[in-house]
N, C-alpha and C. Protein backbone atom coordinates (compact mmCIF):
# COMPACT_ATOMS: atom_id res chain seq x y z
N MET A 1 54.70 -18.81 47.09
CA MET A 1 53.80 -18.97 48.22
C MET A 1 53.35 -20.42 48.26
N SER A 2 53.14 -20.94 49.42
CA SER A 2 52.73 -22.32 49.59
C SER A 2 51.35 -22.55 49.00
N THR A 3 51.17 -23.74 48.42
CA THR A 3 49.84 -24.09 47.90
C THR A 3 48.88 -24.41 49.03
N CYS A 4 49.39 -24.44 50.28
CA CYS A 4 48.53 -24.65 51.44
C CYS A 4 47.79 -23.37 51.82
N ALA A 5 48.25 -22.25 51.32
CA ALA A 5 47.62 -20.97 51.63
C ALA A 5 46.22 -20.92 51.05
N THR A 6 45.27 -20.38 51.83
CA THR A 6 43.90 -20.29 51.34
C THR A 6 43.69 -19.06 50.49
N LYS A 7 44.44 -18.02 50.73
CA LYS A 7 44.36 -16.80 49.92
C LYS A 7 45.68 -16.63 49.19
N ARG A 8 45.60 -16.50 47.88
CA ARG A 8 46.79 -16.32 47.06
C ARG A 8 46.54 -15.13 46.14
N PRO A 9 46.68 -13.92 46.68
CA PRO A 9 46.30 -12.72 45.94
C PRO A 9 47.05 -12.52 44.63
N GLU A 10 48.30 -12.87 44.54
CA GLU A 10 49.06 -12.69 43.31
C GLU A 10 48.55 -13.62 42.21
N LEU A 11 48.25 -14.87 42.56
CA LEU A 11 47.70 -15.80 41.58
C LEU A 11 46.31 -15.33 41.14
N GLU A 12 45.49 -14.93 42.09
CA GLU A 12 44.15 -14.43 41.76
C GLU A 12 44.24 -13.23 40.82
N ALA A 13 45.17 -12.31 41.09
CA ALA A 13 45.34 -11.13 40.25
C ALA A 13 45.81 -11.51 38.85
N ALA A 14 46.73 -12.47 38.76
CA ALA A 14 47.25 -12.91 37.46
C ALA A 14 46.15 -13.56 36.63
N VAL A 15 45.33 -14.39 37.25
CA VAL A 15 44.24 -15.06 36.53
C VAL A 15 43.20 -14.05 36.09
N LYS A 16 42.90 -13.09 36.95
CA LYS A 16 41.93 -12.05 36.59
C LYS A 16 42.45 -11.21 35.42
N LEU A 17 43.71 -10.79 35.48
CA LEU A 17 44.29 -10.00 34.41
C LEU A 17 44.32 -10.79 33.10
N ALA A 18 44.69 -12.07 33.17
CA ALA A 18 44.71 -12.90 31.97
C ALA A 18 43.33 -12.96 31.33
N GLY A 19 42.29 -13.10 32.15
CA GLY A 19 40.92 -13.14 31.64
C GLY A 19 40.51 -11.82 31.00
N GLU A 20 40.92 -10.71 31.62
CA GLU A 20 40.59 -9.39 31.08
C GLU A 20 41.28 -9.16 29.73
N ILE A 21 42.53 -9.54 29.65
CA ILE A 21 43.27 -9.37 28.39
C ILE A 21 42.66 -10.26 27.32
N ARG A 22 42.33 -11.49 27.67
CA ARG A 22 41.74 -12.43 26.72
C ARG A 22 40.41 -11.91 26.19
N SER A 23 39.63 -11.26 27.06
CA SER A 23 38.32 -10.75 26.64
C SER A 23 38.44 -9.64 25.60
N SER A 24 39.62 -9.05 25.47
CA SER A 24 39.82 -8.02 24.45
C SER A 24 40.22 -8.63 23.10
N GLY A 25 40.30 -9.96 23.05
CA GLY A 25 40.58 -10.64 21.79
C GLY A 25 42.01 -11.11 21.63
N VAL A 26 42.85 -10.87 22.61
CA VAL A 26 44.25 -11.27 22.53
C VAL A 26 44.41 -12.66 23.14
N ALA A 27 45.14 -13.54 22.47
CA ALA A 27 45.42 -14.86 23.01
C ALA A 27 46.31 -14.73 24.24
N VAL A 28 45.98 -15.45 25.31
CA VAL A 28 46.73 -15.35 26.57
C VAL A 28 47.07 -16.75 27.07
N THR A 29 48.30 -16.89 27.54
CA THR A 29 48.74 -18.13 28.17
C THR A 29 49.35 -17.78 29.52
N LEU A 30 48.86 -18.42 30.56
CA LEU A 30 49.41 -18.27 31.90
C LEU A 30 50.59 -19.23 32.02
N VAL A 31 51.78 -18.70 32.32
CA VAL A 31 52.99 -19.51 32.40
C VAL A 31 53.36 -19.70 33.87
N VAL A 32 53.55 -20.97 34.25
CA VAL A 32 53.82 -21.34 35.64
C VAL A 32 55.05 -22.23 35.68
N HIS A 33 55.85 -22.08 36.72
CA HIS A 33 57.07 -22.89 36.84
C HIS A 33 56.75 -24.38 36.79
N GLU A 34 55.85 -24.86 37.64
CA GLU A 34 55.49 -26.27 37.70
C GLU A 34 54.04 -26.39 38.15
N HIS A 35 53.35 -27.43 37.71
CA HIS A 35 51.93 -27.56 38.03
C HIS A 35 51.65 -27.54 39.53
N LYS A 36 52.58 -28.01 40.33
CA LYS A 36 52.38 -28.05 41.78
C LYS A 36 52.28 -26.65 42.38
N ARG A 37 52.74 -25.63 41.67
CA ARG A 37 52.68 -24.25 42.18
C ARG A 37 51.27 -23.68 42.09
N LEU A 38 50.40 -24.32 41.33
CA LEU A 38 49.04 -23.80 41.17
C LEU A 38 48.09 -24.24 42.26
N GLY A 39 48.32 -25.38 42.84
CA GLY A 39 47.41 -25.90 43.86
C GLY A 39 47.31 -27.40 43.74
N ARG A 40 46.45 -27.96 44.57
CA ARG A 40 46.28 -29.40 44.58
C ARG A 40 44.79 -29.72 44.65
N GLY A 41 44.44 -30.87 44.14
CA GLY A 41 43.08 -31.36 44.26
C GLY A 41 42.03 -30.41 43.72
N ILE A 42 41.05 -30.11 44.56
CA ILE A 42 39.90 -29.31 44.15
C ILE A 42 40.29 -27.88 43.77
N GLU A 43 41.29 -27.32 44.43
CA GLU A 43 41.72 -25.96 44.08
C GLU A 43 42.25 -25.91 42.65
N LEU A 44 42.99 -26.93 42.27
CA LEU A 44 43.53 -26.98 40.91
C LEU A 44 42.40 -27.16 39.90
N ALA A 45 41.43 -27.99 40.22
CA ALA A 45 40.28 -28.19 39.33
C ALA A 45 39.48 -26.90 39.18
N MET A 46 39.30 -26.17 40.27
CA MET A 46 38.57 -24.90 40.21
C MET A 46 39.32 -23.88 39.36
N LEU A 47 40.64 -23.83 39.51
CA LEU A 47 41.45 -22.92 38.71
C LEU A 47 41.35 -23.28 37.23
N ALA A 48 41.40 -24.57 36.93
CA ALA A 48 41.27 -25.02 35.54
C ALA A 48 39.93 -24.57 34.96
N GLU A 49 38.87 -24.67 35.73
CA GLU A 49 37.55 -24.23 35.25
C GLU A 49 37.54 -22.73 34.98
N GLU A 50 38.18 -21.96 35.85
CA GLU A 50 38.24 -20.51 35.67
C GLU A 50 39.03 -20.15 34.41
N LEU A 51 40.15 -20.82 34.19
CA LEU A 51 40.95 -20.57 32.98
C LEU A 51 40.17 -20.98 31.73
N LYS A 52 39.51 -22.12 31.82
CA LYS A 52 38.72 -22.61 30.69
C LYS A 52 37.60 -21.62 30.34
N ALA A 53 36.92 -21.11 31.35
CA ALA A 53 35.83 -20.16 31.13
C ALA A 53 36.34 -18.87 30.47
N SER A 54 37.57 -18.51 30.77
CA SER A 54 38.15 -17.29 30.20
C SER A 54 38.90 -17.56 28.90
N ASP A 55 38.99 -18.83 28.49
CA ASP A 55 39.71 -19.23 27.28
C ASP A 55 41.19 -18.83 27.37
N VAL A 56 41.77 -19.06 28.55
CA VAL A 56 43.18 -18.76 28.80
C VAL A 56 43.96 -20.07 28.77
N GLY A 57 45.07 -20.10 28.04
CA GLY A 57 45.92 -21.28 27.97
C GLY A 57 46.83 -21.37 29.18
N LEU A 58 47.54 -22.47 29.28
CA LEU A 58 48.42 -22.70 30.42
C LEU A 58 49.68 -23.40 29.94
N GLU A 59 50.82 -22.95 30.46
CA GLU A 59 52.10 -23.56 30.12
C GLU A 59 52.92 -23.77 31.38
N PHE A 60 53.51 -24.97 31.50
CA PHE A 60 54.39 -25.30 32.61
C PHE A 60 55.82 -25.31 32.10
N LEU A 61 56.73 -24.67 32.83
CA LEU A 61 58.12 -24.59 32.41
C LEU A 61 58.93 -25.83 32.77
N THR A 62 58.54 -26.52 33.85
CA THR A 62 59.29 -27.71 34.29
C THR A 62 58.31 -28.77 34.76
N GLY A 63 58.87 -29.91 35.11
CA GLY A 63 58.06 -31.00 35.66
C GLY A 63 57.57 -31.95 34.59
N GLU A 64 56.83 -32.96 35.04
CA GLU A 64 56.36 -34.00 34.12
C GLU A 64 55.33 -33.48 33.12
N LEU A 65 54.74 -32.33 33.37
CA LEU A 65 53.77 -31.75 32.44
C LEU A 65 54.33 -30.55 31.68
N LYS A 66 55.65 -30.48 31.59
CA LYS A 66 56.30 -29.36 30.89
C LYS A 66 55.68 -29.16 29.51
N GLY A 67 55.35 -27.93 29.21
CA GLY A 67 54.78 -27.60 27.90
C GLY A 67 53.44 -26.91 28.03
N SER A 68 52.78 -26.68 26.90
CA SER A 68 51.50 -25.98 26.87
C SER A 68 50.35 -26.97 27.02
N HIS A 69 49.30 -26.53 27.72
CA HIS A 69 48.14 -27.38 27.96
C HIS A 69 46.85 -26.58 27.83
N ASP A 70 45.80 -27.28 27.46
CA ASP A 70 44.46 -26.72 27.42
C ASP A 70 43.80 -27.00 28.76
N PRO A 71 43.46 -25.97 29.55
CA PRO A 71 42.87 -26.19 30.86
C PRO A 71 41.55 -26.96 30.81
N SER A 72 40.92 -27.05 29.64
CA SER A 72 39.66 -27.76 29.55
C SER A 72 39.85 -29.24 29.26
N GLY A 73 41.09 -29.67 29.06
CA GLY A 73 41.36 -31.05 28.68
C GLY A 73 41.39 -32.01 29.86
N ILE A 74 41.50 -33.28 29.52
CA ILE A 74 41.53 -34.36 30.50
C ILE A 74 42.76 -34.27 31.39
N VAL A 75 43.81 -33.61 30.89
CA VAL A 75 45.04 -33.48 31.67
C VAL A 75 44.74 -32.89 33.05
N PHE A 76 43.88 -31.89 33.10
CA PHE A 76 43.61 -31.26 34.38
C PHE A 76 42.81 -32.14 35.32
N THR A 77 41.92 -32.95 34.80
CA THR A 77 41.17 -33.87 35.65
C THR A 77 42.13 -34.85 36.31
N VAL A 78 43.00 -35.42 35.51
CA VAL A 78 43.98 -36.37 36.02
C VAL A 78 44.97 -35.67 36.95
N LEU A 79 45.43 -34.50 36.57
CA LEU A 79 46.39 -33.74 37.36
C LEU A 79 45.83 -33.39 38.74
N ALA A 80 44.60 -32.93 38.79
CA ALA A 80 43.99 -32.57 40.06
C ALA A 80 43.88 -33.79 40.96
N ALA A 81 43.47 -34.92 40.40
CA ALA A 81 43.35 -36.15 41.19
C ALA A 81 44.71 -36.61 41.69
N MET A 82 45.72 -36.59 40.80
CA MET A 82 47.06 -37.04 41.19
C MET A 82 47.67 -36.13 42.24
N SER A 83 47.49 -34.82 42.10
CA SER A 83 48.11 -33.90 43.05
C SER A 83 47.46 -34.02 44.42
N GLY A 84 46.17 -34.31 44.47
CA GLY A 84 45.52 -34.53 45.75
C GLY A 84 46.02 -35.79 46.42
N MET A 85 46.21 -36.86 45.64
CA MET A 85 46.73 -38.12 46.18
C MET A 85 48.17 -37.96 46.63
N GLU A 86 48.97 -37.25 45.84
CA GLU A 86 50.38 -37.04 46.17
C GLU A 86 50.51 -36.37 47.52
N SER A 87 49.69 -35.36 47.77
CA SER A 87 49.72 -34.66 49.04
C SER A 87 49.37 -35.59 50.19
N SER A 88 48.38 -36.45 49.98
CA SER A 88 47.97 -37.40 51.01
C SER A 88 49.05 -38.43 51.25
N ASP A 89 49.71 -38.85 50.18
CA ASP A 89 50.78 -39.84 50.31
C ASP A 89 51.94 -39.32 51.14
N LEU A 90 52.12 -38.03 51.17
CA LEU A 90 53.22 -37.45 51.93
C LEU A 90 52.84 -37.22 53.39
N GLY A 91 51.62 -37.62 53.77
CA GLY A 91 51.21 -37.45 55.15
C GLY A 91 50.64 -36.08 55.45
N ARG A 92 50.48 -35.26 54.40
CA ARG A 92 49.89 -33.94 54.58
C ARG A 92 48.47 -34.00 54.09
N PRO A 93 47.60 -33.20 54.69
CA PRO A 93 46.24 -33.15 54.15
C PRO A 93 46.26 -32.48 52.79
N ALA A 94 45.39 -32.95 51.90
CA ALA A 94 45.28 -32.30 50.60
C ALA A 94 44.83 -30.87 50.80
N SER A 95 45.48 -29.93 50.10
CA SER A 95 45.11 -28.53 50.28
C SER A 95 44.72 -27.91 48.99
């Protein structure tokens, strides 16, 4: 689904389920094809905060950020800023 979509029910359901599983004491990592699939700018920062609050890890399968990441780290601050700029550079509004 496009990251331009305002409602992304499958992503919302996956994040909610990951948080529920994590709350039972099991380590959880949300695996995503590429960071651009999660969102851009503020949406990505908000998602990072939600994952951080639930203590859920994140792993990207491809792209420049391939590998596991801590959503509470500086990577997400930089990533959110870069993805917002990238969208603007392409002539599209940041979404």
